[in-house]
Amino acid sequence: MSFSSSEAHGRLNPYVTFGTTPAGFWRRVFSTLVDELAVFLIVVAIAKVVAPGISITGATSGAAFYHAAFVFTTLMVVVYTAYEVILVGRAPGRTLGCYVAGIQVVSTLMDTPGYSRSSKRVAVYLASEVLGFTPVPGLGQLLFLVDNLWMLFDRDRQTLHDKIADTYVIIHRRGVVEQRQESF
């Protein structure tokens, strides 16, 4: 896919303007898996400290199971939100998964997305989680799939959460964002 115009849908297109390359689908999937594992391990460590007696594997039904599931889910949401908003929102706009996959989240002007944009990205993720608890089966999973598969059909290779937050995910090249920030 070639990006011939420096404007994408009336906005600056960083792929053309700054000569960057969009991150592919599988790199982004790999990055997400690394991030999910990192968040999971952080949550398990916190749960052992905050609620040492809780075990999801040991409780199979009843109040103990629901209590453990509630604590674990709450911790996952809080830790995931903080992880994404802080790491994507501040320089250099990369989570652990982004580092491992060699990708970076940037704004249209090739700078760090900031906390507002990274919060918008997380809000879309959380919307799919919340919709998963509605009476309509599969609604949250459908939003999750549409959001993440959107990039396969989008000419700018943006997911829905990228479009809502006005961000792009690029293959990281040392110094590209830093050079852009120094020019201002």
C-alpha atoms as a PDB file:
ATOM      1  CA  MET A   1       0.000   0.000   0.000  1.00  0.00           C
ATOM      2  CA  SER A   2       1.426   3.354  -0.945  1.00  0.00           C
ATOM      3  CA  PHE A   3       0.697   6.614   0.765  1.00  0.00           C
ATOM      4  CA  SER A   4       0.888   9.252  -1.937  1.00  0.00           C
ATOM      5  CA  SER A   5      -0.769  12.213  -0.272  1.00  0.00           C
ATOM      6  CA  SER A   6       0.627  14.085   2.702  1.00  0.00           C
ATOM      7  CA  GLU A   7      -2.947  14.539   3.890  1.00  0.00           C
ATOM      8  CA  ALA A   8      -5.123  11.672   5.056  1.00  0.00           C
ATOM      9  CA  HIS A   9      -8.814  12.547   5.157  1.00  0.00           C
ATOM     10  CA  GLY A  10      -7.980  16.247   5.600  1.00  0.00           C
ATOM     11  CA  ARG A  11      -5.324  15.592   8.259  1.00  0.00           C
ATOM     12  CA  LEU A  12      -1.567  15.442   8.065  1.00  0.00           C
ATOM     13  CA  ASN A  13      -0.390  11.934   7.150  1.00  0.00           C
ATOM     14  CA  PRO A  14       2.820  11.154   9.070  1.00  0.00           C
ATOM     15  CA  TYR A  15       3.648   8.222   6.793  1.00  0.00           C
ATOM     16  CA  VAL A  16       4.211  10.576   3.879  1.00  0.00           C
ATOM     17  CA  THR A  17       5.137  13.815   5.624  1.00  0.00           C
ATOM     18  CA  PHE A  18       7.793  12.290   7.873  1.00  0.00           C
ATOM     19  CA  GLY A  19       8.735   9.196   5.860  1.00  0.00           C
ATOM     20  CA  THR A  20       7.614   6.718   8.510  1.00  0.00           C
ATOM     21  CA  THR A  21       6.272   3.209   7.991  1.00  0.00           C
ATOM     22  CA  PRO A  22       2.989   2.049   9.531  1.00  0.00           C
ATOM     23  CA  ALA A  23       3.248  -0.910  11.904  1.00  0.00           C
ATOM     24  CA  GLY A  24       1.743  -4.057  10.457  1.00  0.00           C
ATOM     25  CA  PHE A  25      -1.071  -6.090  11.938  1.00  0.00           C
ATOM     26  CA  TRP A  26       1.062  -8.932  13.322  1.00  0.00           C
ATOM     27  CA  ARG A  27       3.563  -6.571  14.971  1.00  0.00           C
ATOM     28  CA  ARG A  28       0.674  -4.882  16.719  1.00  0.00           C
ATOM     29  CA  VAL A  29      -0.825  -8.215  17.788  1.00  0.00           C
ATOM     30  CA  PHE A  30       2.557  -9.303  19.187  1.00  0.00           C
ATOM     31  CA  SER A  31       2.929  -5.994  21.024  1.00  0.00           C
ATOM     32  CA  THR A  32      -0.541  -6.386  22.536  1.00  0.00           C
ATOM     33  CA  LEU A  33       0.194  -9.934  23.702  1.00  0.00           C
ATOM     34  CA  VAL A  34       3.396  -8.786  25.422  1.00  0.00           C
ATOM     35  CA  ASP A  35       1.514  -5.911  27.084  1.00  0.00           C
ATOM     36  CA  GLU A  36      -1.323  -8.191  28.216  1.00  0.00           C
ATOM     37  CA  LEU A  37       1.196 -10.598  29.751  1.00  0.00           C
ATOM     38  CA  ALA A  38       3.011  -7.732  31.496  1.00  0.00           C
ATOM     39  CA  VAL A  39      -0.249  -6.333  32.911  1.00  0.00           C
ATOM     40  CA  PHE A  40      -1.368  -9.805  33.992  1.00  0.00           C
ATOM     41  CA  LEU A  41       1.893 -10.412  35.875  1.00  0.00           C
ATOM     42  CA  ILE A  42       1.648  -7.001  37.563  1.00  0.00           C
ATOM     43  CA  VAL A  43      -1.955  -7.733  38.589  1.00  0.00           C
ATOM     44  CA  VAL A  44      -1.046 -11.150  39.998  1.00  0.00           C
ATOM     45  CA  ALA A  45       1.755  -9.560  42.049  1.00  0.00           C
ATOM     46  CA  ILE A  46      -0.565  -6.807  43.338  1.00  0.00           C
ATOM     47  CA  ALA A  47      -3.350  -9.313  44.098  1.00  0.00           C
ATOM     48  CA  LYS A  48      -0.956 -11.397  46.201  1.00  0.00           C
ATOM     49  CA  VAL A  49      -0.182  -8.322  48.303  1.00  0.00           C
ATOM     50  CA  VAL A  50      -3.625  -6.677  48.407  1.00  0.00           C
ATOM     51  CA  ALA A  51      -5.756  -9.829  48.734  1.00  0.00           C
ATOM     52  CA  PRO A  52      -3.465 -12.732  49.632  1.00  0.00           C
ATOM     53  CA  GLY A  53      -6.308 -15.172  50.363  1.00  0.00           C
ATOM     54  CA  ILE A  54      -8.010 -14.778  46.982  1.00  0.00           C
ATOM     55  CA  SER A  55      -7.584 -17.465  44.362  1.00  0.00           C
ATOM     56  CA  ILE A  56      -9.624 -17.674  41.175  1.00  0.00           C
ATOM     57  CA  THR A  57      -8.393 -21.201  40.492  1.00  0.00           C
ATOM     58  CA  GLY A  58      -9.346 -22.423  43.975  1.00  0.00           C
ATOM     59  CA  ALA A  59     -12.881 -21.020  43.956  1.00  0.00           C
ATOM     60  CA  THR A  60     -15.175 -22.764  41.490  1.00  0.00           C
ATOM     61  CA  SER A  61     -18.551 -21.330  42.441  1.00  0.00           C
ATOM     62  CA  GLY A  62     -20.420 -19.151  44.858  1.00  0.00           C
ATOM     63  CA  ALA A  63     -19.456 -15.957  46.614  1.00  0.00           C
ATOM     64  CA  ALA A  64     -15.727 -16.771  46.805  1.00  0.00           C
ATOM     65  CA  PHE A  65     -15.510 -17.137  43.021  1.00  0.00           C
ATOM     66  CA  TYR A  66     -17.401 -13.894  42.323  1.00  0.00           C
ATOM     67  CA  HIS A  67     -15.385 -11.992  44.904  1.00  0.00           C
ATOM     68  CA  ALA A  68     -12.098 -13.236  43.415  1.00  0.00           C
ATOM     69  CA  ALA A  69     -13.281 -12.461  39.872  1.00  0.00           C
ATOM     70  CA  PHE A  70     -14.381  -8.966  40.900  1.00  0.00           C
ATOM     71  CA  VAL A  71     -11.062  -8.173  42.599  1.00  0.00           C
ATOM     72  CA  PHE A  72      -9.040  -9.563  39.689  1.00  0.00           C
ATOM     73  CA  THR A  73     -11.126  -7.761  37.022  1.00  0.00           C
ATOM     74  CA  THR A  74     -10.981  -4.465  38.910  1.00  0.00           C
ATOM     75  CA  LEU A  75      -7.206  -4.738  39.250  1.00  0.00           C
ATOM     76  CA  MET A  76      -6.860  -5.598  35.552  1.00  0.00           C
ATOM     77  CA  VAL A  77      -8.850  -2.520  34.497  1.00  0.00           C
ATOM     78  CA  VAL A  78      -6.988  -0.165  36.843  1.00  0.00           C
ATOM     79  CA  VAL A  79      -3.510  -1.505  36.050  1.00  0.00           C
ATOM     80  CA  TYR A  80      -4.156  -1.729  32.308  1.00  0.00           C
ATOM     81  CA  THR A  81      -5.494   1.825  32.188  1.00  0.00           C
ATOM     82  CA  ALA A  82      -2.547   3.223  34.132  1.00  0.00           C
ATOM     83  CA  TYR A  83      -0.055   1.148  32.102  1.00  0.00           C
ATOM     84  CA  GLU A  84      -1.378   2.318  28.729  1.00  0.00           C
ATOM     85  CA  VAL A  85      -2.151   5.941  29.598  1.00  0.00           C
ATOM     86  CA  ILE A  86       1.161   6.582  31.323  1.00  0.00           C
ATOM     87  CA  LEU A  87       3.478   4.691  28.956  1.00  0.00           C
ATOM     88  CA  VAL A  88       1.826   5.778  25.697  1.00  0.00           C
ATOM     89  CA  GLY A  89       1.031   9.272  26.964  1.00  0.00           C
ATOM     90  CA  ARG A  90       4.537  10.257  27.975  1.00  0.00           C
ATOM     91  CA  ALA A  91       7.687  10.308  25.861  1.00  0.00           C
ATOM     92  CA  PRO A  92       8.571   8.199  23.953  1.00  0.00           C
ATOM     93  CA  GLY A  93       5.016   6.807  23.587  1.00  0.00           C
ATOM     94  CA  ARG A  94       5.964   3.145  23.909  1.00  0.00           C
ATOM     95  CA  THR A  95       4.844   0.318  26.155  1.00  0.00           C
ATOM     96  CA  LEU A  96       6.936  -2.763  26.891  1.00  0.00           C
ATOM     97  CA  GLY A  97       5.155  -4.513  24.020  1.00  0.00           C
ATOM     98  CA  CYS A  98       5.979  -1.625  21.687  1.00  0.00           C
ATOM     99  CA  TYR A  99       9.668  -1.864  22.610  1.00  0.00           C
ATOM    100  CA  VAL A 100       9.747  -5.627  21.997  1.00  0.00           C
ATOM    101  CA  ALA A 101       7.817  -5.341  18.699  1.00  0.00           C
ATOM    102  CA  GLY A 102       9.784  -2.299  17.510  1.00  0.00           C
ATOM    103  CA  ILE A 103       6.778  -0.001  17.155  1.00  0.00           C
ATOM    104  CA  GLN A 104       5.732   3.381  18.536  1.00  0.00           C
ATOM    105  CA  VAL A 105       2.491   5.314  19.015  1.00  0.00           C
ATOM    106  CA  VAL A 106       2.623   8.877  17.683  1.00  0.00           C
ATOM    107  CA  SER A 107       0.256  11.755  17.051  1.00  0.00           C
ATOM    108  CA  THR A 108      -0.395  13.128  13.581  1.00  0.00           C
ATOM    109  CA  LEU A 109       2.504  15.563  14.040  1.00  0.00           C
ATOM    110  CA  MET A 110       4.897  12.744  15.015  1.00  0.00           C
ATOM    111  CA  ASP A 111       5.122  13.682  18.666  1.00  0.00           C
ATOM    112  CA  THR A 112       4.247  11.795  21.820  1.00  0.00           C
ATOM    113  CA  PRO A 113       0.465  11.288  21.954  1.00  0.00           C
ATOM    114  CA  GLY A 114       0.045  12.790  25.432  1.00  0.00           C
ATOM    115  CA  TYR A 115      -2.293  11.673  28.169  1.00  0.00           C
ATOM    116  CA  SER A 116      -5.481  12.888  26.490  1.00  0.00           C
ATOM    117  CA  ARG A 117      -4.931  10.850  23.320  1.00  0.00           C
ATOM    118  CA  SER A 118      -3.717   7.789  25.200  1.00  0.00           C
ATOM    119  CA  SER A 119      -6.810   8.011  27.436  1.00  0.00           C
ATOM    120  CA  LYS A 120      -9.048   7.999  24.354  1.00  0.00           C
ATOM    121  CA  ARG A 121      -7.278   4.888  23.078  1.00  0.00           C
ATOM    122  CA  VAL A 122      -7.846   3.105  26.391  1.00  0.00           C
ATOM    123  CA  ALA A 123     -11.497   4.220  26.502  1.00  0.00           C
ATOM    124  CA  VAL A 124     -12.211   2.213  23.343  1.00  0.00           C
ATOM    125  CA  TYR A 125     -10.579  -0.878  24.851  1.00  0.00           C
ATOM    126  CA  LEU A 126     -12.564  -0.454  28.048  1.00  0.00           C
ATOM    127  CA  ALA A 127     -15.799   0.059  26.107  1.00  0.00           C
ATOM    128  CA  SER A 128     -15.388  -3.410  24.608  1.00  0.00           C
ATOM    129  CA  GLU A 129     -14.805  -4.821  28.109  1.00  0.00           C
ATOM    130  CA  VAL A 130     -17.879  -3.078  29.540  1.00  0.00           C
ATOM    131  CA  LEU A 131     -20.047  -4.172  26.611  1.00  0.00           C
ATOM    132  CA  GLY A 132     -18.932  -7.725  27.336  1.00  0.00           C
ATOM    133  CA  PHE A 133     -21.010  -7.557  30.534  1.00  0.00           C
ATOM    134  CA  THR A 134     -24.237  -6.507  28.788  1.00  0.00           C
ATOM    135  CA  PRO A 135     -27.162  -8.888  28.210  1.00  0.00           C
ATOM    136  CA  VAL A 136     -26.323  -8.961  24.485  1.00  0.00           C
ATOM    137  CA  PRO A 137     -23.904 -11.883  24.088  1.00  0.00           C
ATOM    138  CA  GLY A 138     -20.763 -11.156  22.122  1.00  0.00           C
ATOM    139  CA  LEU A 139     -21.247  -7.389  21.864  1.00  0.00           C
ATOM    140  CA  GLY A 140     -17.957  -6.574  23.610  1.00  0.00           C
ATOM    141  CA  GLN A 141     -16.066  -9.177  21.585  1.00  0.00           C
ATOM    142  CA  LEU A 142     -17.565  -7.778  18.378  1.00  0.00           C
ATOM    143  CA  LEU A 143     -16.393  -4.244  19.226  1.00  0.00           C
ATOM    144  CA  PHE A 144     -12.947  -5.614  20.106  1.00  0.00           C
ATOM    145  CA  LEU A 145     -12.693  -7.438  16.763  1.00  0.00           C
ATOM    146  CA  VAL A 146     -14.017  -4.535  14.683  1.00  0.00           C
ATOM    147  CA  ASP A 147     -11.671  -2.121  16.470  1.00  0.00           C
ATOM    148  CA  ASN A 148      -8.553  -4.204  15.921  1.00  0.00           C
ATOM    149  CA  LEU A 149      -9.345  -5.599  12.463  1.00  0.00           C
ATOM    150  CA  TRP A 150     -10.272  -2.137  11.155  1.00  0.00           C
ATOM    151  CA  MET A 151      -6.635  -1.443  10.261  1.00  0.00           C
ATOM    152  CA  LEU A 152      -6.675  -4.255   7.691  1.00  0.00           C
ATOM    153  CA  PHE A 153      -9.184  -2.306   5.610  1.00  0.00           C
ATOM    154  CA  ASP A 154      -8.152   1.255   6.449  1.00  0.00           C
ATOM    155  CA  ARG A 155      -5.934   3.065   3.965  1.00  0.00           C
ATOM    156  CA  ASP A 156      -4.042   4.768   6.824  1.00  0.00           C
ATOM    157  CA  ARG A 157      -3.707   1.460   8.716  1.00  0.00           C
ATOM    158  CA  GLN A 158      -5.391   2.893  11.794  1.00  0.00           C
ATOM    159  CA  THR A 159      -7.602   0.949  14.172  1.00  0.00           C
ATOM    160  CA  LEU A 160     -10.777   2.566  15.473  1.00  0.00           C
ATOM    161  CA  HIS A 161      -9.020   3.521  18.711  1.00  0.00           C
ATOM    162  CA  ASP A 162      -6.283   5.180  16.613  1.00  0.00           C
ATOM    163  CA  LYS A 163      -8.871   7.135  14.634  1.00  0.00           C
ATOM    164  CA  ILE A 164     -10.748   8.261  17.754  1.00  0.00           C
ATOM    165  CA  ALA A 165      -7.515   9.340  19.471  1.00  0.00           C
ATOM    166  CA  ASP A 166      -5.927  10.724  16.278  1.00  0.00           C
ATOM    167  CA  THR A 167      -2.862   8.508  16.661  1.00  0.00           C
ATOM    168  CA  TYR A 168      -0.769   6.351  14.373  1.00  0.00           C
ATOM    169  CA  VAL A 169       1.368   3.324  15.161  1.00  0.00           C
ATOM    170  CA  ILE A 170       4.644   3.329  13.272  1.00  0.00           C
ATOM    171  CA  ILE A 171       7.709   1.146  13.031  1.00  0.00           C
ATOM    172  CA  HIS A 172      10.136   2.751  15.443  1.00  0.00           C
ATOM    173  CA  ARG A 173      13.191   4.360  13.904  1.00  0.00           C
ATOM    174  CA  ARG A 174      15.697   5.782  16.318  1.00  0.00           C
ATOM    175  CA  GLY A 175      15.535   9.551  16.417  1.00  0.00           C
ATOM    176  CA  VAL A 176      12.534  10.164  14.108  1.00  0.00           C
ATOM    177  CA  VAL A 177      10.224  11.516  16.818  1.00  0.00           C
ATOM    178  CA  GLU A 178      13.100  13.144  18.674  1.00  0.00           C
ATOM    179  CA  GLN A 179      14.160  15.023  15.505  1.00  0.00           C
ATOM    180  CA  ARG A 180      10.573  16.139  14.939  1.00  0.00           C
ATOM    181  CA  GLN A 181      10.274  17.437  18.506  1.00  0.00           C
ATOM    182  CA  GLU A 182      13.582  19.319  18.264  1.00  0.00           C
ATOM    183  CA  SER A 183      12.469  21.141  15.104  1.00  0.00           C
ATOM    184  CA  PHE A 184       9.762  23.004  17.037  1.00  0.00           C
END
